[in-house]
C-alpha atoms as a PDB file:
ATOM      1  CA  MET A   1     -24.062 -11.135  15.092  1.00  0.00           C
ATOM      2  CA  ILE A   2     -20.626 -13.084  15.590  1.00  0.00           C
ATOM      3  CA  ALA A   3     -19.738 -14.415  19.006  1.00  0.00           C
ATOM      4  CA  LEU A   4     -16.563 -16.763  19.384  1.00  0.00           C
ATOM      5  CA  ALA A   5     -15.996 -18.247  22.664  1.00  0.00           C
ATOM      6  CA  GLY A   6     -12.552 -20.189  23.517  1.00  0.00           C
ATOM      7  CA  ILE A   7     -11.754 -20.927  19.800  1.00  0.00           C
ATOM      8  CA  GLY A   8      -8.671 -22.975  19.187  1.00  0.00           C
ATOM      9  CA  ARG A   9      -7.217 -24.301  15.940  1.00  0.00           C
ATOM     10  CA  VAL A  10      -4.095 -26.845  15.794  1.00  0.00           C
ATOM     11  CA  PHE A  11      -2.472 -27.956  12.590  1.00  0.00           C
ATOM     12  CA  ARG A  12      -0.213 -30.872  12.627  1.00  0.00           C
ATOM     13  CA  VAL A  13       3.014 -30.035  10.766  1.00  0.00           C
ATOM     14  CA  GLY A  14       5.918 -32.647  10.285  1.00  0.00           C
ATOM     15  CA  GLY A  15       4.568 -34.495  13.450  1.00  0.00           C
ATOM     16  CA  GLU A  16       4.540 -31.065  15.378  1.00  0.00           C
ATOM     17  CA  GLU A  17       1.466 -29.249  16.764  1.00  0.00           C
ATOM     18  CA  VAL A  18       1.072 -25.656  15.578  1.00  0.00           C
ATOM     19  CA  HIS A  19      -1.466 -23.706  17.399  1.00  0.00           C
ATOM     20  CA  ALA A  20      -2.832 -21.285  14.860  1.00  0.00           C
ATOM     21  CA  LEU A  21      -5.540 -19.888  17.305  1.00  0.00           C
ATOM     22  CA  ARG A  22      -5.460 -19.958  21.107  1.00  0.00           C
ATOM     23  CA  ASP A  23      -8.566 -19.460  23.097  1.00  0.00           C
ATOM     24  CA  VAL A  24      -9.946 -16.545  21.003  1.00  0.00           C
ATOM     25  CA  ASN A  25     -12.955 -14.848  22.398  1.00  0.00           C
ATOM     26  CA  LEU A  26     -14.411 -12.127  20.051  1.00  0.00           C
ATOM     27  CA  GLN A  27     -17.765 -10.521  19.440  1.00  0.00           C
ATOM     28  CA  ILE A  28     -18.474  -8.526  16.449  1.00  0.00           C
ATOM     29  CA  ALA A  29     -21.681  -6.522  16.045  1.00  0.00           C
ATOM     30  CA  ALA A  30     -23.636  -6.060  12.953  1.00  0.00           C
ATOM     31  CA  GLY A  31     -22.540  -3.098  10.736  1.00  0.00           C
ATOM     32  CA  GLU A  32     -18.898  -3.059  12.086  1.00  0.00           C
ATOM     33  CA  PHE A  33     -15.669  -2.479  10.221  1.00  0.00           C
ATOM     34  CA  LEU A  34     -13.104  -4.478  11.616  1.00  0.00           C
ATOM     35  CA  SER A  35      -9.540  -5.138  10.498  1.00  0.00           C
ATOM     36  CA  ILE A  36      -7.376  -8.048  11.642  1.00  0.00           C
ATOM     37  CA  MET A  37      -3.463  -7.383  11.607  1.00  0.00           C
ATOM     38  CA  GLY A  38      -0.335  -9.109  12.724  1.00  0.00           C
ATOM     39  CA  PRO A  39       2.812 -10.477  11.513  1.00  0.00           C
ATOM     40  CA  SER A  40       2.952 -13.542   9.024  1.00  0.00           C
ATOM     41  CA  GLY A  41       1.670 -16.729  11.101  1.00  0.00           C
ATOM     42  CA  SER A  42      -0.124 -14.891  13.605  1.00  0.00           C
ATOM     43  CA  GLY A  43      -3.316 -16.503  12.972  1.00  0.00           C
ATOM     44  CA  LYS A  44      -5.109 -13.847  11.260  1.00  0.00           C
ATOM     45  CA  SER A  45      -6.146 -15.541   8.055  1.00  0.00           C
ATOM     46  CA  THR A  46      -6.969 -18.762  10.160  1.00  0.00           C
ATOM     47  CA  LEU A  47      -9.242 -16.637  12.275  1.00  0.00           C
ATOM     48  CA  LEU A  48     -10.916 -15.182   9.184  1.00  0.00           C
ATOM     49  CA  ASN A  49     -11.334 -18.648   7.671  1.00  0.00           C
ATOM     50  CA  VAL A  50     -13.085 -19.920  11.052  1.00  0.00           C
ATOM     51  CA  ILE A  51     -15.471 -17.028  10.958  1.00  0.00           C
ATOM     52  CA  GLY A  52     -15.953 -17.345   7.374  1.00  0.00           C
ATOM     53  CA  LEU A  53     -16.969 -21.089   7.966  1.00  0.00           C
ATOM     54  CA  LEU A  54     -14.266 -22.281   5.562  1.00  0.00           C
ATOM     55  CA  ASP A  55     -12.579 -23.988   8.390  1.00  0.00           C
ATOM     56  CA  ARG A  56     -13.719 -25.519  11.637  1.00  0.00           C
ATOM     57  CA  PRO A  57     -12.023 -24.914  14.989  1.00  0.00           C
ATOM     58  CA  ASP A  58     -10.889 -27.772  17.391  1.00  0.00           C
ATOM     59  CA  ALA A  59     -11.935 -26.011  20.307  1.00  0.00           C
ATOM     60  CA  GLY A  60     -14.733 -23.568  21.386  1.00  0.00           C
ATOM     61  CA  ARG A  61     -18.122 -22.249  20.242  1.00  0.00           C
ATOM     62  CA  TYR A  62     -19.093 -20.072  17.319  1.00  0.00           C
ATOM     63  CA  LEU A  63     -22.492 -18.345  17.244  1.00  0.00           C
ATOM     64  CA  LEU A  64     -23.507 -16.779  14.020  1.00  0.00           C
ATOM     65  CA  ASP A  65     -26.694 -14.536  14.406  1.00  0.00           C
ATOM     66  CA  GLY A  66     -27.549 -16.437  17.676  1.00  0.00           C
ATOM     67  CA  ARG A  67     -27.155 -19.945  16.089  1.00  0.00           C
ATOM     68  CA  ASP A  68     -24.503 -22.397  17.069  1.00  0.00           C
ATOM     69  CA  VAL A  69     -22.546 -23.204  13.670  1.00  0.00           C
ATOM     70  CA  THR A  70     -19.665 -24.906  15.385  1.00  0.00           C
ATOM     71  CA  ALA A  71     -20.664 -28.493  14.570  1.00  0.00           C
ATOM     72  CA  LEU A  72     -23.197 -28.073  11.654  1.00  0.00           C
ATOM     73  CA  PRO A  73     -22.927 -30.991   8.911  1.00  0.00           C
ATOM     74  CA  ASP A  74     -21.196 -29.981   5.915  1.00  0.00           C
ATOM     75  CA  ASP A  75     -24.209 -29.275   3.638  1.00  0.00           C
ATOM     76  CA  GLU A  76     -25.859 -27.222   6.201  1.00  0.00           C
ATOM     77  CA  LEU A  77     -22.663 -25.204   6.853  1.00  0.00           C
ATOM     78  CA  ALA A  78     -22.305 -24.719   3.050  1.00  0.00           C
ATOM     79  CA  ARG A  79     -25.902 -23.296   2.873  1.00  0.00           C
ATOM     80  CA  VAL A  80     -25.377 -20.798   5.784  1.00  0.00           C
ATOM     81  CA  ARG A  81     -21.994 -19.784   4.274  1.00  0.00           C
ATOM     82  CA  ARG A  82     -23.627 -19.167   0.859  1.00  0.00           C
ATOM     83  CA  GLU A  83     -26.658 -17.295   2.460  1.00  0.00           C
ATOM     84  CA  LYS A  84     -24.875 -15.076   5.141  1.00  0.00           C
ATOM     85  CA  LEU A  85     -21.240 -14.469   3.986  1.00  0.00           C
ATOM     86  CA  GLY A  86     -19.377 -13.085   1.051  1.00  0.00           C
ATOM     87  CA  PHE A  87     -15.638 -13.575   0.474  1.00  0.00           C
ATOM     88  CA  VAL A  88     -12.973 -11.569  -1.335  1.00  0.00           C
ATOM     89  CA  PHE A  89      -9.292 -12.890  -1.619  1.00  0.00           C
ATOM     90  CA  GLN A  90      -6.008 -11.509  -2.637  1.00  0.00           C
ATOM     91  CA  PHE A  91      -5.813 -13.347  -5.922  1.00  0.00           C
ATOM     92  CA  PHE A  92      -9.302 -12.887  -6.832  1.00  0.00           C
ATOM     93  CA  HIS A  93     -10.295 -16.510  -7.515  1.00  0.00           C
ATOM     94  CA  LEU A  94     -12.331 -15.667 -10.604  1.00  0.00           C
ATOM     95  CA  VAL A  95     -13.145 -18.421 -13.222  1.00  0.00           C
ATOM     96  CA  PRO A  96     -10.654 -17.777 -16.030  1.00  0.00           C
ATOM     97  CA  ARG A  97     -13.018 -19.081 -18.844  1.00  0.00           C
ATOM     98  CA  LEU A  98     -15.995 -17.079 -17.693  1.00  0.00           C
ATOM     99  CA  SER A  99     -16.615 -13.229 -18.494  1.00  0.00           C
ATOM    100  CA  ALA A 100     -16.890 -10.525 -15.609  1.00  0.00           C
ATOM    101  CA  ALA A 101     -20.758 -10.855 -15.802  1.00  0.00           C
ATOM    102  CA  GLU A 102     -20.621 -14.638 -15.797  1.00  0.00           C
ATOM    103  CA  ASN A 103     -18.362 -14.710 -12.735  1.00  0.00           C
ATOM    104  CA  ILE A 104     -20.553 -12.208 -10.902  1.00  0.00           C
ATOM    105  CA  GLU A 105     -23.597 -14.290 -11.722  1.00  0.00           C
ATOM    106  CA  LEU A 106     -22.128 -17.810 -10.814  1.00  0.00           C
ATOM    107  CA  PRO A 107     -23.083 -17.986  -7.078  1.00  0.00           C
ATOM    108  CA  MET A 108     -26.746 -17.055  -8.084  1.00  0.00           C
ATOM    109  CA  VAL A 109     -26.645 -19.739 -10.551  1.00  0.00           C
ATOM    110  CA  LEU A 110     -25.401 -22.299  -8.108  1.00  0.00           C
ATOM    111  CA  ALA A 111     -27.968 -21.211  -5.625  1.00  0.00           C
ATOM    112  CA  GLY A 112     -30.898 -21.579  -8.255  1.00  0.00           C
ATOM    113  CA  ILE A 113     -31.767 -17.930  -8.282  1.00  0.00           C
ATOM    114  CA  ASP A 114     -34.709 -17.267 -10.737  1.00  0.00           C
ATOM    115  CA  PRO A 115     -33.285 -16.211 -14.055  1.00  0.00           C
ATOM    116  CA  ALA A 116     -35.196 -12.718 -14.061  1.00  0.00           C
ATOM    117  CA  GLU A 117     -33.910 -12.142 -10.597  1.00  0.00           C
ATOM    118  CA  ARG A 118     -30.325 -12.791 -11.590  1.00  0.00           C
ATOM    119  CA  ARG A 119     -30.478 -10.492 -14.443  1.00  0.00           C
ATOM    120  CA  ALA A 120     -31.633  -7.788 -12.291  1.00  0.00           C
ATOM    121  CA  ARG A 121     -28.974  -8.316  -9.552  1.00  0.00           C
ATOM    122  CA  LEU A 122     -26.407  -8.623 -12.243  1.00  0.00           C
ATOM    123  CA  ASP A 123     -27.554  -5.371 -14.105  1.00  0.00           C
ATOM    124  CA  ARG A 124     -27.381  -3.365 -10.761  1.00  0.00           C
ATOM    125  CA  LEU A 125     -23.972  -4.914  -9.514  1.00  0.00           C
ATOM    126  CA  LEU A 126     -22.372  -4.097 -12.977  1.00  0.00           C
ATOM    127  CA  GLY A 127     -23.517  -0.399 -12.858  1.00  0.00           C
ATOM    128  CA  GLU A 128     -22.795   0.072  -9.090  1.00  0.00           C
ATOM    129  CA  TYR A 129     -19.114  -1.205  -9.667  1.00  0.00           C
ATOM    130  CA  GLY A 130     -18.511   0.454 -12.919  1.00  0.00           C
ATOM    131  CA  LEU A 131     -18.142  -2.973 -15.045  1.00  0.00           C
ATOM    132  CA  ARG A 132     -20.736  -2.388 -17.723  1.00  0.00           C
ATOM    133  CA  GLU A 133     -17.998  -1.675 -20.272  1.00  0.00           C
ATOM    134  CA  ARG A 134     -16.058  -4.777 -19.277  1.00  0.00           C
ATOM    135  CA  ALA A 135     -19.158  -7.124 -18.454  1.00  0.00           C
ATOM    136  CA  HIS A 136     -18.036  -9.560 -21.422  1.00  0.00           C
ATOM    137  CA  HIS A 137     -14.338  -9.567 -20.768  1.00  0.00           C
ATOM    138  CA  ARG A 138     -12.523 -12.525 -19.218  1.00  0.00           C
ATOM    139  CA  PRO A 139     -10.386 -11.979 -16.323  1.00  0.00           C
ATOM    140  CA  SER A 140      -7.287 -12.065 -18.538  1.00  0.00           C
ATOM    141  CA  GLU A 141      -8.451  -8.901 -20.394  1.00  0.00           C
ATOM    142  CA  LEU A 142      -8.987  -6.934 -17.099  1.00  0.00           C
ATOM    143  CA  SER A 143      -6.765  -5.041 -14.693  1.00  0.00           C
ATOM    144  CA  GLY A 144      -6.116  -6.038 -11.316  1.00  0.00           C
ATOM    145  CA  GLY A 145      -8.542  -3.412  -9.914  1.00  0.00           C
ATOM    146  CA  GLN A 146     -11.248  -4.459 -12.418  1.00  0.00           C
ATOM    147  CA  CYS A 147     -10.703  -8.132 -11.335  1.00  0.00           C
ATOM    148  CA  GLN A 148     -11.176  -7.193  -7.751  1.00  0.00           C
ATOM    149  CA  ARG A 149     -14.263  -5.343  -8.268  1.00  0.00           C
ATOM    150  CA  VAL A 150     -15.605  -8.301 -10.174  1.00  0.00           C
ATOM    151  CA  ALA A 151     -14.720 -10.382  -7.175  1.00  0.00           C
ATOM    152  CA  ILE A 152     -16.544  -7.838  -4.732  1.00  0.00           C
ATOM    153  CA  ALA A 153     -19.616  -7.728  -6.905  1.00  0.00           C
ATOM    154  CA  ARG A 154     -19.630 -11.548  -6.991  1.00  0.00           C
ATOM    155  CA  ALA A 155     -19.184 -11.716  -3.252  1.00  0.00           C
ATOM    156  CA  LEU A 156     -22.062  -9.392  -2.766  1.00  0.00           C
ATOM    157  CA  SER A 157     -24.319 -11.003  -5.493  1.00  0.00           C
ATOM    158  CA  MET A 158     -26.329 -13.162  -2.710  1.00  0.00           C
ATOM    159  CA  GLY A 159     -26.735 -10.234  -0.424  1.00  0.00           C
ATOM    160  CA  PRO A 160     -24.660 -11.570   2.508  1.00  0.00           C
ATOM    161  CA  ALA A 161     -24.760 -10.110   5.842  1.00  0.00           C
ATOM    162  CA  VAL A 162     -20.954 -10.111   6.396  1.00  0.00           C
ATOM    163  CA  LEU A 163     -18.210  -9.631   3.840  1.00  0.00           C
ATOM    164  CA  LEU A 164     -14.902 -10.913   4.742  1.00  0.00           C
ATOM    165  CA  ALA A 165     -11.690  -9.864   2.680  1.00  0.00           C
ATOM    166  CA  ASP A 166      -8.303 -11.595   3.101  1.00  0.00           C
ATOM    167  CA  GLU A 167      -5.624  -9.086   1.934  1.00  0.00           C
ATOM    168  CA  PRO A 168      -7.778  -7.553  -0.721  1.00  0.00           C
ATOM    169  CA  THR A 169      -5.333  -4.985  -1.750  1.00  0.00           C
ATOM    170  CA  GLY A 170      -2.171  -7.250  -1.522  1.00  0.00           C
ATOM    171  CA  ASN A 171      -1.830  -8.049  -5.023  1.00  0.00           C
ATOM    172  CA  LEU A 172      -2.421  -4.462  -6.027  1.00  0.00           C
ATOM    173  CA  ASP A 173      -0.392  -1.332  -6.801  1.00  0.00           C
ATOM    174  CA  ARG A 174      -0.992   1.350  -4.045  1.00  0.00           C
ATOM    175  CA  HIS A 175      -3.197   3.524  -6.306  1.00  0.00           C
ATOM    176  CA  THR A 176      -5.343   0.710  -7.139  1.00  0.00           C
ATOM    177  CA  GLY A 177      -5.404  -0.576  -3.719  1.00  0.00           C
ATOM    178  CA  GLN A 178      -6.884   2.824  -2.536  1.00  0.00           C
ATOM    179  CA  ASP A 179      -9.638   2.571  -5.249  1.00  0.00           C
ATOM    180  CA  VAL A 180     -10.510  -1.107  -3.868  1.00  0.00           C
ATOM    181  CA  MET A 181     -10.634   0.206  -0.300  1.00  0.00           C
ATOM    182  CA  ALA A 182     -13.084   2.900  -1.281  1.00  0.00           C
ATOM    183  CA  VAL A 183     -15.339   0.245  -2.811  1.00  0.00           C
ATOM    184  CA  LEU A 184     -15.107  -1.764   0.423  1.00  0.00           C
ATOM    185  CA  GLU A 185     -15.773   1.165   2.576  1.00  0.00           C
ATOM    186  CA  ARG A 186     -18.855   1.994   0.474  1.00  0.00           C
ATOM    187  CA  VAL A 187     -20.188  -1.390   1.224  1.00  0.00           C
ATOM    188  CA  HIS A 188     -19.760  -0.814   4.845  1.00  0.00           C
ATOM    189  CA  ALA A 189     -21.249   2.568   4.544  1.00  0.00           C
ATOM    190  CA  GLY A 190     -24.234   0.982   3.198  1.00  0.00           C
ATOM    191  CA  GLY A 191     -24.642  -0.957   6.391  1.00  0.00           C
ATOM    192  CA  GLY A 192     -22.802  -3.971   5.703  1.00  0.00           C
ATOM    193  CA  THR A 193     -20.551  -5.774   8.274  1.00  0.00           C
ATOM    194  CA  LEU A 194     -16.799  -5.621   6.780  1.00  0.00           C
ATOM    195  CA  ILE A 195     -14.050  -8.006   8.341  1.00  0.00           C
ATOM    196  CA  LEU A 196     -10.598  -7.275   6.841  1.00  0.00           C
ATOM    197  CA  VAL A 197      -7.449  -9.162   7.088  1.00  0.00           C
ATOM    198  CA  THR A 198      -4.200  -6.906   6.146  1.00  0.00           C
ATOM    199  CA  HIS A 199      -0.632  -6.743   6.641  1.00  0.00           C
ATOM    200  CA  ASP A 200      -0.674  -3.002   5.802  1.00  0.00           C
ATOM    201  CA  PRO A 201      -1.049  -0.653   8.915  1.00  0.00           C
ATOM    202  CA  GLU A 202      -2.255   2.068   6.930  1.00  0.00           C
ATOM    203  CA  ILE A 203      -5.109   0.134   5.452  1.00  0.00           C
ATOM    204  CA  GLY A 204      -5.978  -1.502   8.800  1.00  0.00           C
ATOM    205  CA  ALA A 205      -6.047   1.882  10.254  1.00  0.00           C
ATOM    206  CA  ARG A 206      -8.923   2.813   8.300  1.00  0.00           C
ATOM    207  CA  ALA A 207     -11.133   0.393  10.302  1.00  0.00           C
ATOM    208  CA  GLN A 208     -13.458   1.476  13.043  1.00  0.00           C
ATOM    209  CA  ARG A 209     -12.077  -1.385  15.064  1.00  0.00           C
ATOM    210  CA  ARG A 210      -8.538  -3.137  14.833  1.00  0.00           C
ATOM    211  CA  LEU A 211      -7.465  -6.447  16.162  1.00  0.00           C
ATOM    212  CA  ARG A 212      -3.933  -7.345  16.500  1.00  0.00           C
ATOM    213  CA  MET A 213      -2.952 -11.021  16.484  1.00  0.00           C
ATOM    214  CA  VAL A 214       0.266 -12.558  17.947  1.00  0.00           C
ATOM    215  CA  ASP A 215       1.020 -16.421  17.963  1.00  0.00           C
ATOM    216  CA  GLY A 216      -2.695 -17.179  17.493  1.00  0.00           C
ATOM    217  CA  ALA A 217      -4.204 -15.044  20.193  1.00  0.00           C
ATOM    218  CA  ILE A 218      -5.785 -11.483  20.186  1.00  0.00           C
ATOM    219  CA  ALA A 219      -3.262  -9.119  21.605  1.00  0.00           C
ATOM    220  CA  GLY A 220      -4.983  -5.849  21.107  1.00  0.00           C
ATOM    221  CA  ASP A 221      -8.580  -5.003  20.225  1.00  0.00           C
ATOM    222  CA  ASP A 222      -8.701  -0.889  19.678  1.00  0.00           C
ATOM    223  CA  LYS A 223     -11.612   1.361  18.565  1.00  0.00           C
ATOM    224  CA  ALA A 224     -11.297   4.371  16.651  1.00  0.00           C
END
């Protein structure tokens, strides 16, 4: 499903070059649960951003479902990202003025999904993630765990093939983080591909496959 070959990413900071990714070669099959771990600055979030088409590599080739997406124009890149990828972030990135239901529905509105279909998907997601009673509450009226469940439901509203999660438990207490991980693992158990960045070894160990990043390179690739 995902194939990276010779991926490099360089940032220029204060006149110096910082190699965030160095010759990364990686294949991820459909239905895998992969965690990406490593110290701060190791390149794990940069790798996730490249996989998620949020950032372009400076070198190498990226195939998604057999299609070379490395140099797609911005509008086509946005379309592929919208149709195939879902994102969950540490700080939720919900729209403050929108209710939980409106946040979940937003990607479908932007994609022009028929209102009847939107309502059906929204109703299913609110029920599946235990959010019916909080559907009309804004993010400021929700707990951290509820906000993350809204974010996960929003990420899945377009039926993506891959769910990418960047430190999804990093802003939560341990108990709530465990609940969020259970939700993510349920997505994987349903056949979804899950790619998770985490600094927490216990969270990372729950994945079937664990990558370890050091200085922008893959230093370990272990399977359970």
